[in-house]
PDB file of N, CA and C in Angstrom:
ATOM      1  N   SER A   1       0.781  -1.161  -0.016  1.00  0.00           N
ATOM      2  CA  SER A   1      -0.053   0.013  -0.049  1.00  0.00           C
ATOM      3  C   SER A   1       0.884   1.265  -0.054  1.00  0.00           C
ATOM      4  N   GLY A   2       0.391   2.381  -0.455  1.00  0.00           N
ATOM      5  CA  GLY A   2       1.158   3.596  -0.514  1.00  0.00           C
ATOM      6  C   GLY A   2       0.794   4.540   0.577  1.00  0.00           C
ATOM      7  N   VAL A   3       1.601   5.545   0.759  1.00  0.00           N
ATOM      8  CA  VAL A   3       1.409   6.575   1.870  1.00  0.00           C
ATOM      9  C   VAL A   3       1.162   7.876   1.016  1.00  0.00           C
ATOM     10  N   LEU A   4       0.169   8.607   1.503  1.00  0.00           N
ATOM     11  CA  LEU A   4      -0.091   9.930   0.936  1.00  0.00           C
ATOM     12  C   LEU A   4       0.159  10.965   2.058  1.00  0.00           C
ATOM     13  N   LEU A   5       0.742  12.036   1.789  1.00  0.00           N
ATOM     14  CA  LEU A   5       1.021  13.124   2.735  1.00  0.00           C
ATOM     15  C   LEU A   5       0.614  14.398   2.095  1.00  0.00           C
ATOM     16  N   GLY A   6      -0.379  15.150   2.731  1.00  0.00           N
ATOM     17  CA  GLY A   6      -0.837  16.461   2.276  1.00  0.00           C
ATOM     18  C   GLY A   6       0.228  17.531   2.559  1.00  0.00           C
ATOM     19  N   GLU A   7       0.389  18.310   1.649  1.00  0.00           N
ATOM     20  CA  GLU A   7       1.449  19.508   1.729  1.00  0.00           C
ATOM     21  C   GLU A   7       0.593  20.710   1.874  1.00  0.00           C
ATOM     22  N   PRO A   8       0.993  21.796   2.758  1.00  0.00           N
ATOM     23  CA  PRO A   8       0.265  22.899   3.015  1.00  0.00           C
ATOM     24  C   PRO A   8      -0.157  23.622   1.749  1.00  0.00           C
ATOM     25  N   MET A   9       0.586  23.573   0.734  1.00  0.00           N
ATOM     26  CA  MET A   9       0.193  24.264  -0.582  1.00  0.00           C
ATOM     27  C   MET A   9      -0.785  23.493  -1.409  1.00  0.00           C
ATOM     28  N   GLY A  10      -1.195  22.344  -0.939  1.00  0.00           N
ATOM     29  CA  GLY A  10      -2.323  21.548  -1.598  1.00  0.00           C
ATOM     30  C   GLY A  10      -1.970  20.481  -2.427  1.00  0.00           C
ATOM     31  N   ARG A  11      -0.438  20.201  -2.423  1.00  0.00           N
ATOM     32  CA  ARG A  11      -0.088  19.032  -3.232  1.00  0.00           C
ATOM     33  C   ARG A  11       0.033  17.820  -2.441  1.00  0.00           C
ATOM     34  N   LEU A  12      -0.011  16.685  -3.066  1.00  0.00           N
ATOM     35  CA  LEU A  12       0.043  15.370  -2.422  1.00  0.00           C
ATOM     36  C   LEU A  12       1.428  14.765  -2.605  1.00  0.00           C
ATOM     37  N   MET A  13       2.089  14.285  -1.612  1.00  0.00           N
ATOM     38  CA  MET A  13       3.298  13.552  -1.802  1.00  0.00           C
ATOM     39  C   MET A  13       2.922  12.154  -1.444  1.00  0.00           C
ATOM     40  N   MET A  14       3.430  11.268  -2.291  1.00  0.00           N
ATOM     41  CA  MET A  14       3.148   9.867  -2.217  1.00  0.00           C
ATOM     42  C   MET A  14       4.430   9.028  -2.255  1.00  0.00           C
ATOM     43  N   THR A  15       4.381   7.880  -1.564  1.00  0.00           N
ATOM     44  CA  THR A  15       5.418   6.957  -1.598  1.00  0.00           C
ATOM     45  C   THR A  15       4.911   5.481  -1.310  1.00  0.00           C
ATOM     46  N   GLY A  16       5.628   4.467  -1.614  1.00  0.00           N
ATOM     47  CA  GLY A  16       5.290   3.108  -1.399  1.00  0.00           C
ATOM     48  C   GLY A  16       4.983   2.227  -2.568  1.00  0.00           C
ATOM     49  N   LEU A  17       4.174   1.257  -2.316  1.00  0.00           N
ATOM     50  CA  LEU A  17       3.703   0.355  -3.387  1.00  0.00           C
ATOM     51  C   LEU A  17       2.820   1.097  -4.328  1.00  0.00           C
ATOM     52  N   ASN A  18       2.983   0.681  -5.654  1.00  0.00           N
ATOM     53  CA  ASN A  18       2.278   1.426  -6.735  1.00  0.00           C
ATOM     54  C   ASN A  18       1.702   0.459  -7.830  1.00  0.00           C
ATOM     55  N   GLN A  19       1.480  -0.812  -7.472  1.00  0.00           N
ATOM     56  CA  GLN A  19       1.098  -1.810  -8.525  1.00  0.00           C
ATOM     57  C   GLN A  19      -0.200  -1.383  -9.119  1.00  0.00           C
ATOM     58  N   ARG A  20      -1.012  -0.606  -8.541  1.00  0.00           N
ATOM     59  CA  ARG A  20      -2.413  -0.335  -9.073  1.00  0.00           C
ATOM     60  C   ARG A  20      -2.390   1.159  -9.498  1.00  0.00           C
ATOM     61  N   GLY A  21      -1.265   1.926  -9.531  1.00  0.00           N
ATOM     62  CA  GLY A  21      -1.232   3.328  -9.869  1.00  0.00           C
ATOM     63  C   GLY A  21      -1.641   4.236  -8.751  1.00  0.00           C
ATOM     64  N   GLN A  22      -1.756   3.805  -7.521  1.00  0.00           N
ATOM     65  CA  GLN A  22      -2.241   4.573  -6.536  1.00  0.00           C
ATOM     66  C   GLN A  22      -1.339   5.747  -6.134  1.00  0.00           C
ATOM     67  N   LEU A  23      -0.162   5.863  -6.689  1.00  0.00           N
ATOM     68  CA  LEU A  23       0.682   7.009  -6.260  1.00  0.00           C
ATOM     69  C   LEU A  23       0.601   8.137  -7.267  1.00  0.00           C
ATOM     70  N   LYS A  24      -0.144   7.940  -8.356  1.00  0.00           N
ATOM     71  CA  LYS A  24      -0.558   9.065  -9.273  1.00  0.00           C
ATOM     72  C   LYS A  24       0.638   9.583 -10.061  1.00  0.00           C
ATOM     73  N   ASP A  25       1.672   8.812 -10.335  1.00  0.00           N
ATOM     74  CA  ASP A  25       2.730   9.383 -10.942  1.00  0.00           C
ATOM     75  C   ASP A  25       2.902   8.957 -12.524  1.00  0.00           C
ATOM     76  N   GLY A  26       1.881   8.278 -12.962  1.00  0.00           N
ATOM     77  CA  GLY A  26       1.919   7.825 -14.436  1.00  0.00           C
ATOM     78  C   GLY A  26       2.635   6.553 -14.635  1.00  0.00           C
ATOM     79  N   THR A  27       3.159   5.871 -13.588  1.00  0.00           N
ATOM     80  CA  THR A  27       3.739   4.569 -13.554  1.00  0.00           C
ATOM     81  C   THR A  27       3.090   3.621 -12.678  1.00  0.00           C
ATOM     82  N   TYR A  28       3.525   2.364 -12.838  1.00  0.00           N
ATOM     83  CA  TYR A  28       3.155   1.440 -11.792  1.00  0.00           C
ATOM     84  C   TYR A  28       4.337   0.853 -10.963  1.00  0.00           C
ATOM     85  N   ASN A  29       5.354   1.696 -10.851  1.00  0.00           N
ATOM     86  CA  ASN A  29       6.569   1.378 -10.097  1.00  0.00           C
ATOM     87  C   ASN A  29       6.515   1.811  -8.706  1.00  0.00           C
ATOM     88  N   ASP A  30       6.990   0.946  -7.727  1.00  0.00           N
ATOM     89  CA  ASP A  30       6.987   1.242  -6.416  1.00  0.00           C
ATOM     90  C   ASP A  30       8.093   2.252  -6.092  1.00  0.00           C
ATOM     91  N   THR A  31       8.108   2.967  -5.076  1.00  0.00           N
ATOM     92  CA  THR A  31       9.173   3.908  -4.703  1.00  0.00           C
ATOM     93  C   THR A  31       9.221   4.110  -3.336  1.00  0.00           C
ATOM     94  N   GLY A  32      10.415   4.247  -2.768  1.00  0.00           N
ATOM     95  CA  GLY A  32      10.736   4.473  -1.320  1.00  0.00           C
ATOM     96  C   GLY A  32      10.976   5.999  -1.113  1.00  0.00           C
ATOM     97  N   THR A  33      11.019   6.786  -2.321  1.00  0.00           N
ATOM     98  CA  THR A  33      11.280   8.251  -2.209  1.00  0.00           C
ATOM     99  C   THR A  33       9.992   9.054  -2.378  1.00  0.00           C
ATOM    100  N   PRO A  34       9.574   9.867  -1.517  1.00  0.00           N
ATOM    101  CA  PRO A  34       8.244  10.654  -1.628  1.00  0.00           C
ATOM    102  C   PRO A  34       8.304  11.483  -2.943  1.00  0.00           C
ATOM    103  N   THR A  35       7.306  11.508  -3.635  1.00  0.00           N
ATOM    104  CA  THR A  35       7.233  12.145  -4.947  1.00  0.00           C
ATOM    105  C   THR A  35       5.839  12.946  -5.031  1.00  0.00           C
ATOM    106  N   PHE A  36       5.764  14.056  -5.788  1.00  0.00           N
ATOM    107  CA  PHE A  36       4.594  14.872  -5.875  1.00  0.00           C
ATOM    108  C   PHE A  36       3.708  14.176  -6.999  1.00  0.00           C
ATOM    109  N   GLY A  37       4.120  13.210  -7.803  1.00  0.00           N
ATOM    110  CA  GLY A  37       3.259  12.711  -8.918  1.00  0.00           C
ATOM    111  C   GLY A  37       2.865  13.869  -9.819  1.00  0.00           C
ATOM    112  N   THR A  38       1.673  13.753 -10.407  1.00  0.00           N
ATOM    113  CA  THR A  38       1.208  14.820 -11.298  1.00  0.00           C
ATOM    114  C   THR A  38       0.976  16.050 -10.331  1.00  0.00           C
ATOM    115  N   ASN A  39       1.138  17.234 -10.876  1.00  0.00           N
ATOM    116  CA  ASN A  39       1.072  18.488 -10.239  1.00  0.00           C
ATOM    117  C   ASN A  39      -0.228  19.134 -10.323  1.00  0.00           C
ATOM    118  N   ILE A  40      -1.179  18.620  -9.365  1.00  0.00           N
ATOM    119  CA  ILE A  40      -2.544  19.245  -9.216  1.00  0.00           C
ATOM    120  C   ILE A  40      -2.743  19.445  -7.829  1.00  0.00           C
ATOM    121  N   ASP A  41      -3.242  20.617  -7.427  1.00  0.00           N
ATOM    122  CA  ASP A  41      -3.485  21.052  -6.106  1.00  0.00           C
ATOM    123  C   ASP A  41      -4.752  20.398  -5.637  1.00  0.00           C
ATOM    124  N   VAL A  42      -4.755  19.885  -4.296  1.00  0.00           N
ATOM    125  CA  VAL A  42      -5.815  19.217  -3.800  1.00  0.00           C
ATOM    126  C   VAL A  42      -6.471  19.908  -2.680  1.00  0.00           C
ATOM    127  N   SER A  43      -7.823  19.916  -2.578  1.00  0.00           N
ATOM    128  CA  SER A  43      -8.485  20.666  -1.473  1.00  0.00           C
ATOM    129  C   SER A  43      -8.670  19.588  -0.397  1.00  0.00           C
ATOM    130  N   SER A  44      -9.162  18.388  -0.689  1.00  0.00           N
ATOM    131  CA  SER A  44      -9.261  17.379   0.233  1.00  0.00           C
ATOM    132  C   SER A  44      -9.172  15.928  -0.412  1.00  0.00           C
ATOM    133  N   PHE A  45      -8.871  14.840   0.356  1.00  0.00           N
ATOM    134  CA  PHE A  45      -8.742  13.471  -0.328  1.00  0.00           C
ATOM    135  C   PHE A  45      -9.002  12.436   0.711  1.00  0.00           C
ATOM    136  N   VAL A  46      -9.386  11.320   0.150  1.00  0.00           N
ATOM    137  CA  VAL A  46      -9.660  10.088   1.102  1.00  0.00           C
ATOM    138  C   VAL A  46      -9.071   8.885   0.296  1.00  0.00           C
ATOM    139  N   THR A  47      -8.466   7.964   1.084  1.00  0.00           N
ATOM    140  CA  THR A  47      -7.812   6.865   0.465  1.00  0.00           C
ATOM    141  C   THR A  47      -8.629   5.559   0.804  1.00  0.00           C
ATOM    142  N   GLY A  48      -8.530   4.668  -0.126  1.00  0.00           N
ATOM    143  CA  GLY A  48      -9.003   3.317   0.126  1.00  0.00           C
ATOM    144  C   GLY A  48      -7.799   2.294   0.209  1.00  0.00           C
ATOM    145  N   ASN A  49      -8.078   1.128  -0.005  1.00  0.00           N
ATOM    146  CA  ASN A  49      -7.008   0.160   0.094  1.00  0.00           C
ATOM    147  C   ASN A  49      -5.905   0.359  -0.986  1.00  0.00           C
ATOM    148  N   GLU A  50      -6.301   0.531  -2.258  1.00  0.00           N
ATOM    149  CA  GLU A  50      -5.240   0.859  -3.312  1.00  0.00           C
ATOM    150  C   GLU A  50      -5.907   1.843  -4.322  1.00  0.00           C
ATOM    151  N   HIS A  51      -6.703   2.871  -3.831  1.00  0.00           N
ATOM    152  CA  HIS A  51      -7.184   3.960  -4.606  1.00  0.00           C
ATOM    153  C   HIS A  51      -7.423   5.211  -3.757  1.00  0.00           C
ATOM    154  N   VAL A  52      -7.551   6.293  -4.644  1.00  0.00           N
ATOM    155  CA  VAL A  52      -7.568   7.614  -3.903  1.00  0.00           C
ATOM    156  C   VAL A  52      -8.787   8.357  -4.599  1.00  0.00           C
ATOM    157  N   LEU A  53      -9.618   9.098  -3.838  1.00  0.00           N
ATOM    158  CA  LEU A  53     -10.489  10.050  -4.415  1.00  0.00           C
ATOM    159  C   LEU A  53     -10.214  11.413  -3.914  1.00  0.00           C
ATOM    160  N   ALA A  54     -10.119  12.341  -4.707  1.00  0.00           N
ATOM    161  CA  ALA A  54      -9.627  13.619  -4.322  1.00  0.00           C
ATOM    162  C   ALA A  54     -10.551  14.783  -4.855  1.00  0.00           C
ATOM    163  N   GLU A  55     -10.616  15.867  -4.081  1.00  0.00           N
ATOM    164  CA  GLU A  55     -11.302  17.077  -4.609  1.00  0.00           C
ATOM    165  C   GLU A  55     -10.250  18.164  -4.864  1.00  0.00           C
ATOM    166  N   PHE A  56     -10.291  18.654  -6.118  1.00  0.00           N
ATOM    167  CA  PHE A  56      -9.354  19.693  -6.519  1.00  0.00           C
ATOM    168  C   PHE A  56     -10.067  21.032  -6.520  1.00  0.00           C
ATOM    169  N   ALA A  57      -9.374  22.044  -6.971  1.00  0.00           N
ATOM    170  CA  ALA A  57      -9.977  23.424  -7.084  1.00  0.00           C
ATOM    171  C   ALA A  57     -11.321  23.475  -7.794  1.00  0.00           C
ATOM    172  N   GLN A  58     -12.239  24.245  -7.333  1.00  0.00           N
ATOM    173  CA  GLN A  58     -13.492  24.492  -7.965  1.00  0.00           C
ATOM    174  C   GLN A  58     -14.376  23.204  -7.955  1.00  0.00           C
ATOM    175  N   SER A  59     -14.283  22.398  -6.824  1.00  0.00           N
ATOM    176  CA  SER A  59     -15.102  21.179  -6.771  1.00  0.00           C
ATOM    177  C   SER A  59     -15.012  20.173  -7.908  1.00  0.00           C
ATOM    178  N   ILE A  60     -13.878  20.078  -8.495  1.00  0.00           N
ATOM    179  CA  ILE A  60     -13.602  19.099  -9.502  1.00  0.00           C
ATOM    180  C   ILE A  60     -13.129  17.828  -8.749  1.00  0.00           C
ATOM    181  N   PHE A  61     -13.636  16.682  -9.099  1.00  0.00           N
ATOM    182  CA  PHE A  61     -13.298  15.379  -8.401  1.00  0.00           C
ATOM    183  C   PHE A  61     -12.484  14.518  -9.351  1.00  0.00           C
ATOM    184  N   TYR A  62     -11.382  13.826  -8.735  1.00  0.00           N
ATOM    185  CA  TYR A  62     -10.638  12.860  -9.535  1.00  0.00           C
ATOM    186  C   TYR A  62     -10.434  11.615  -8.709  1.00  0.00           C
ATOM    187  N   SER A  63     -10.056  10.569  -9.390  1.00  0.00           N
ATOM    188  CA  SER A  63      -9.809   9.182  -8.640  1.00  0.00           C
ATOM    189  C   SER A  63      -8.748   8.549  -9.523  1.00  0.00           C
ATOM    190  N   TRP A  64      -8.016   7.754  -8.754  1.00  0.00           N
ATOM    191  CA  TRP A  64      -7.045   6.946  -9.384  1.00  0.00           C
ATOM    192  C   TRP A  64      -6.578   5.791  -8.514  1.00  0.00           C
ATOM    193  N   GLY A  65      -5.987   4.796  -9.124  1.00  0.00           N
ATOM    194  CA  GLY A  65      -5.541   3.499  -8.373  1.00  0.00           C
ATOM    195  C   GLY A  65      -6.414   2.414  -8.897  1.00  0.00           C
ATOM    196  N   ALA A  66      -6.766   1.467  -7.942  1.00  0.00           N
ATOM    197  CA  ALA A  66      -7.469   0.228  -8.315  1.00  0.00           C
ATOM    198  C   ALA A  66      -8.895   0.534  -8.585  1.00  0.00           C
ATOM    199  N   ASN A  67      -9.488  -0.373  -9.573  1.00  0.00           N
ATOM    200  CA  ASN A  67     -10.813  -0.018  -9.848  1.00  0.00           C
ATOM    201  C   ASN A  67     -11.635  -1.430 -10.158  1.00  0.00           C
ATOM    202  N   ASP A  68     -11.115  -2.454  -9.454  1.00  0.00           N
ATOM    203  CA  ASP A  68     -11.722  -3.779  -9.701  1.00  0.00           C
ATOM    204  C   ASP A  68     -13.191  -3.818  -9.465  1.00  0.00           C
ATOM    205  N   TYR A  69     -13.673  -3.047  -8.537  1.00  0.00           N
ATOM    206  CA  TYR A  69     -15.095  -3.101  -8.101  1.00  0.00           C
ATOM    207  C   TYR A  69     -15.854  -1.746  -8.486  1.00  0.00           C
ATOM    208  N   GLY A  70     -15.220  -0.963  -9.362  1.00  0.00           N
ATOM    209  CA  GLY A  70     -15.857   0.345  -9.731  1.00  0.00           C
ATOM    210  C   GLY A  70     -15.677   1.480  -8.705  1.00  0.00           C
ATOM    211  N   GLN A  71     -14.664   1.235  -7.863  1.00  0.00           N
ATOM    212  CA  GLN A  71     -14.498   2.155  -6.753  1.00  0.00           C
ATOM    213  C   GLN A  71     -13.923   3.534  -7.256  1.00  0.00           C
ATOM    214  N   LEU A  72     -13.451   3.536  -8.378  1.00  0.00           N
ATOM    215  CA  LEU A  72     -12.976   5.020  -8.952  1.00  0.00           C
ATOM    216  C   LEU A  72     -14.070   5.714  -9.457  1.00  0.00           C
ATOM    217  N   GLY A  73     -15.298   5.093  -9.800  1.00  0.00           N
ATOM    218  CA  GLY A  73     -16.403   5.859 -10.282  1.00  0.00           C
ATOM    219  C   GLY A  73     -16.341   6.071 -11.775  1.00  0.00           C
ATOM    220  N   VAL A  74     -15.407   5.369 -12.439  1.00  0.00           N
ATOM    221  CA  VAL A  74     -15.314   5.356 -13.941  1.00  0.00           C
ATOM    222  C   VAL A  74     -15.365   3.899 -14.411  1.00  0.00           C
ATOM    223  N   SER A  75     -15.904   3.764 -15.570  1.00  0.00           N
ATOM    224  CA  SER A  75     -15.968   2.440 -16.126  1.00  0.00           C
ATOM    225  C   SER A  75     -14.933   2.023 -17.220  1.00  0.00           C
ATOM    226  N   GLY A  76     -14.832   0.781 -17.559  1.00  0.00           N
ATOM    227  CA  GLY A  76     -14.037   0.420 -18.682  1.00  0.00           C
ATOM    228  C   GLY A  76     -12.485   0.334 -18.403  1.00  0.00           C
ATOM    229  N   ILE A  77     -12.165   0.565 -17.075  1.00  0.00           N
ATOM    230  CA  ILE A  77     -10.654   0.439 -16.772  1.00  0.00           C
ATOM    231  C   ILE A  77     -10.535  -0.364 -15.437  1.00  0.00           C
ATOM    232  N   GLN A  78      -9.434  -1.226 -15.237  1.00  0.00           N
ATOM    233  CA  GLN A  78      -9.270  -1.891 -14.158  1.00  0.00           C
ATOM    234  C   GLN A  78      -8.299  -1.087 -13.054  1.00  0.00           C
ATOM    235  N   LYS A  79      -7.560  -0.293 -13.633  1.00  0.00           N
ATOM    236  CA  LYS A  79      -6.723   0.592 -12.765  1.00  0.00           C
ATOM    237  C   LYS A  79      -6.288   1.817 -13.501  1.00  0.00           C
ATOM    238  N   ALA A  80      -5.915   2.853 -12.684  1.00  0.00           N
ATOM    239  CA  ALA A  80      -5.473   4.185 -13.299  1.00  0.00           C
ATOM    240  C   ALA A  80      -4.273   4.752 -12.616  1.00  0.00           C
ATOM    241  N   ASN A  81      -3.240   5.152 -13.317  1.00  0.00           N
ATOM    242  CA  ASN A  81      -2.118   5.609 -12.697  1.00  0.00           C
ATOM    243  C   ASN A  81      -1.960   7.128 -12.855  1.00  0.00           C
ATOM    244  N   THR A  82      -2.961   7.653 -13.443  1.00  0.00           N
ATOM    245  CA  THR A  82      -3.231   9.196 -13.601  1.00  0.00           C
ATOM    246  C   THR A  82      -4.652   9.518 -13.098  1.00  0.00           C
ATOM    247  N   PRO A  83      -4.752  10.770 -12.652  1.00  0.00           N
ATOM    248  CA  PRO A  83      -6.202  11.128 -12.152  1.00  0.00           C
ATOM    249  C   PRO A  83      -7.167  10.967 -13.260  1.00  0.00           C
ATOM    250  N   GLN A  84      -8.340  10.425 -12.821  1.00  0.00           N
ATOM    251  CA  GLN A  84      -9.520  10.256 -13.851  1.00  0.00           C
ATOM    252  C   GLN A  84     -10.624  11.207 -13.288  1.00  0.00           C
ATOM    253  N   THR A  85     -11.111  11.988 -14.160  1.00  0.00           N
ATOM    254  CA  THR A  85     -12.132  13.002 -13.868  1.00  0.00           C
ATOM    255  C   THR A  85     -13.545  12.299 -13.583  1.00  0.00           C
ATOM    256  N   LEU A  86     -14.090  12.692 -12.507  1.00  0.00           N
ATOM    257  CA  LEU A  86     -15.424  12.125 -12.124  1.00  0.00           C
ATOM    258  C   LEU A  86     -16.510  13.095 -12.606  1.00  0.00           C
ATOM    259  N   SER A  87     -17.512  12.556 -13.197  1.00  0.00           N
ATOM    260  CA  SER A  87     -18.671  13.257 -13.547  1.00  0.00           C
ATOM    261  C   SER A  87     -19.970  12.762 -12.771  1.00  0.00           C
ATOM    262  N   PHE A  88     -20.554  13.686 -12.095  1.00  0.00           N
ATOM    263  CA  PHE A  88     -21.680  13.178 -11.267  1.00  0.00           C
ATOM    264  C   PHE A  88     -23.076  13.436 -12.060  1.00  0.00           C
ATOM    265  N   GLY A  89     -23.109  14.213 -13.001  1.00  0.00           N
ATOM    266  CA  GLY A  89     -24.397  14.576 -13.711  1.00  0.00           C
ATOM    267  C   GLY A  89     -25.148  15.503 -13.040  1.00  0.00           C
ATOM    268  N   PHE A  90     -24.585  16.155 -12.001  1.00  0.00           N
ATOM    269  CA  PHE A  90     -25.413  17.194 -11.378  1.00  0.00           C
ATOM    270  C   PHE A  90     -24.372  18.278 -10.749  1.00  0.00           C
ATOM    271  N   LEU A  91     -24.836  19.419 -10.441  1.00  0.00           N
ATOM    272  CA  LEU A  91     -24.067  20.431  -9.815  1.00  0.00           C
ATOM    273  C   LEU A  91     -23.941  20.244  -8.446  1.00  0.00           C
ATOM    274  N   LEU A  92     -22.803  20.469  -7.837  1.00  0.00           N
ATOM    275  CA  LEU A  92     -22.581  20.498  -6.362  1.00  0.00           C
ATOM    276  C   LEU A  92     -22.668  21.814  -5.816  1.00  0.00           C
TER     277      LEU A  92
END
């Protein structure tokens, strides 16, 4: 499993296992060195076993990591190593 650390500037630092893309760095390579992955500012986030859901600026939501049971909220993929935009079909 990976570790996510929130930075005061709103970026996420990630390290650890990445076999499902949960570190959001565009690879499936494990790392022992904390990395910022893709450079998107985060308002809030929640982690699952091998996936992450995050709110970015202006209430835009993304998910990445494992999607075996549809936990990313997107269909047609088993895992994602980059943020996937979530569409709810209504305004928040």
